Protein backbone atom coordinates (compact mmCIF):
# COMPACT_ATOMS: atom_id res chain seq x y z
CA MET A 1 61.42 -34.88 26.58
CA ASP A 2 57.71 -36.62 25.68
CA LEU A 3 59.49 -40.10 25.97
CA THR A 4 60.79 -39.48 29.23
CA ILE A 5 57.46 -37.92 30.97
CA LEU A 6 56.08 -41.36 29.55
CA TYR A 7 58.86 -43.58 31.51
CA VAL A 8 57.92 -41.62 34.62
CA ILE A 9 54.60 -41.90 34.45
CA VAL A 10 55.09 -45.99 33.79
CA PHE A 11 57.50 -46.27 36.39
CA ILE A 12 55.03 -44.64 38.77
CA SER A 13 52.21 -46.71 37.79
CA LEU A 14 54.02 -49.87 38.15
CA LEU A 15 55.05 -48.64 41.75
CA LEU A 16 51.47 -48.00 42.76
CA ASN A 17 50.27 -51.14 41.20
CA ILE A 18 53.15 -53.04 43.56
CA ILE A 19 51.96 -51.52 46.61
CA LEU A 20 48.14 -51.83 46.05
CA GLY A 21 49.12 -55.48 45.27
CA ILE A 22 50.98 -55.90 48.76
CA LYS A 23 48.22 -54.21 50.61
CA VAL A 24 45.41 -56.14 49.02
CA ILE A 25 47.42 -59.23 49.96
CA GLN A 26 47.84 -57.85 53.58
CA LEU A 27 43.94 -57.10 53.91
CA GLN A 28 43.55 -60.39 52.86
CA LYS A 29 45.55 -62.35 55.83
CA GLU A 30 43.57 -59.61 57.94
CA LEU A 31 40.51 -60.66 56.84
CA GLU A 32 41.24 -64.44 57.26
CA ASN A 33 42.20 -63.69 60.86
CA VAL A 34 38.93 -62.01 61.40
CA LYS A 35 36.86 -64.99 60.14
CA ARG A 36 38.90 -67.55 62.35
CA ALA A 37 38.37 -65.17 65.41
CA THR A 38 34.55 -65.15 64.67
CA ARG A 39 34.35 -68.69 63.65
CA LEU A 40 32.20 -70.58 66.39
CA THR A 41 32.88 -73.90 67.56
CA LYS A 42 30.45 -76.64 67.55
CA GLU A 43 30.36 -76.85 71.24
CA GLU A 44 29.73 -72.93 71.43
CA VAL A 45 26.90 -73.37 69.08
CA GLU A 46 25.13 -75.88 70.75
CA LYS A 47 25.59 -73.71 74.32
CA LEU A 48 23.76 -70.73 72.45
CA ASN A 49 21.01 -73.20 71.18
CA GLU A 50 20.34 -74.51 74.98
CA ARG A 51 20.29 -70.77 76.20
CA LEU A 52 17.88 -70.17 73.29
CA ARG A 53 15.86 -73.00 74.26
CA LYS A 54 15.72 -72.34 77.86
CA LEU A 55 14.90 -68.26 77.00
CA LYS A 56 11.99 -69.48 75.21
CA ILE A 57 10.63 -71.98 77.45
CA GLU A 58 10.77 -69.43 80.25
CA GLY A 59 9.59 -66.31 77.88
């Protein structure tokens, strides 16, 4: 009886660890996609710097 309960707990624990591992991998992929989407190109940075310079001159 006690051994059966132990096996059930171990099985549930392994199952949850596998599910959590899959979720972590999924979230890492989503984070990488967000990083790529928010990364500015060199041209975009140059345009932003130029706008800032113009605002400083006008202000």
